[in-house]
Amino acid sequence: MSVLVDLIVMLGMLVIVPAGLRLTGAPDLARMARLWPVFAAPGAVALWLPRGPAATALALCYGLGAVLLALHALPRLRSARTAPAEIALLTALVTPVVAATALVAERAGQPLFGFGLGILALTVPHFHFAGFAAALVSGLVGRVAGSTAGRFAALSVPLGTLLVLIGYFIGDWAELAGAVVLTAGMWTVALLTWRTVRPAGRDRTTRLLLATSAAVLAVTMVLALSWALGEATGLPHPTLAWMAATHGVGNALGFALCSVLAWRRLGRPAVHEGRTS
């Protein structure tokens, strides 16, 4: 499972984050996207080294990039704007810090906040895809849809992500609540993608990418919900290895990658409304 997880993480680091930043339409984030490989490449190498000082140092390079990205959220916070799409963008900017923190601790071989190395390793892809990618795409969809459902999607995905993070610390039932909110948000994203965004695709390839991302979300979020429900109640549920091979791969390739490629082809108005830093 570790090889599969590492490959998924590499996709998030090297492709999804920089491509997603370019979709925002913000000049400062476009510059950050150009710099991102400087931080992502060492982070990707760290995944394949044995735990120890070298892997930790390279992971810290990625952590530095994640912190610099999160700092781009500060001027947006000061603007006190509360548009749902902007909240989704803020969430996308800060979630890589959570992933990077888990990566540094795991590569150092140090449990963090009571979490073992296995959970830390899975936290890294989770906050690249259920964090960064999900928040970014929900903002894009919410902005284009311009409806109550679109606003719900843009807000519920950040809220669900936050609740899942809180659930890491206070218990399985809080994590289940986060999974319910996140699932509702992602299902709304899938529905709006299918009904509103997909028909606007200029060509068959774009429409196929959007249809794939919507269909995959419908399935992978059922898996996420069933796992969280099982953890909270003790009911039978998929193992972590099975979740990585199904939910993880599906979200990484079927949702995140297809979505980023489709939105790049669409050239739609971005989450960010063109304000410069």
Foldseek 3Di string as FASTA:
>chain_A
DLVLLLVLLLCLQPPLQLLLLVQQLEPVSVVLSVVSCVLSVLQSVLSPDAQADSSLVSLVSVLVSLVVQLVVCVVVVVVVDDQLLNVLQNQLSNLQNLLSVLSNCLSNLHDDLPHHNVVSSVSNSCSSQLTNQQSFLLSFLLVQVVDPLSSLLSNLSSVLVVQLVVCVNPHLVSNLVSLVSNLSSLLSSLVSLLPPVLVLQPDDLLNVLSPQQSVLSVPLSVLVNQVSVCRRPVPDHDDPVVNCVRSVVSRSVRHSVSSSVNSVNSVDNGSHNHDYD
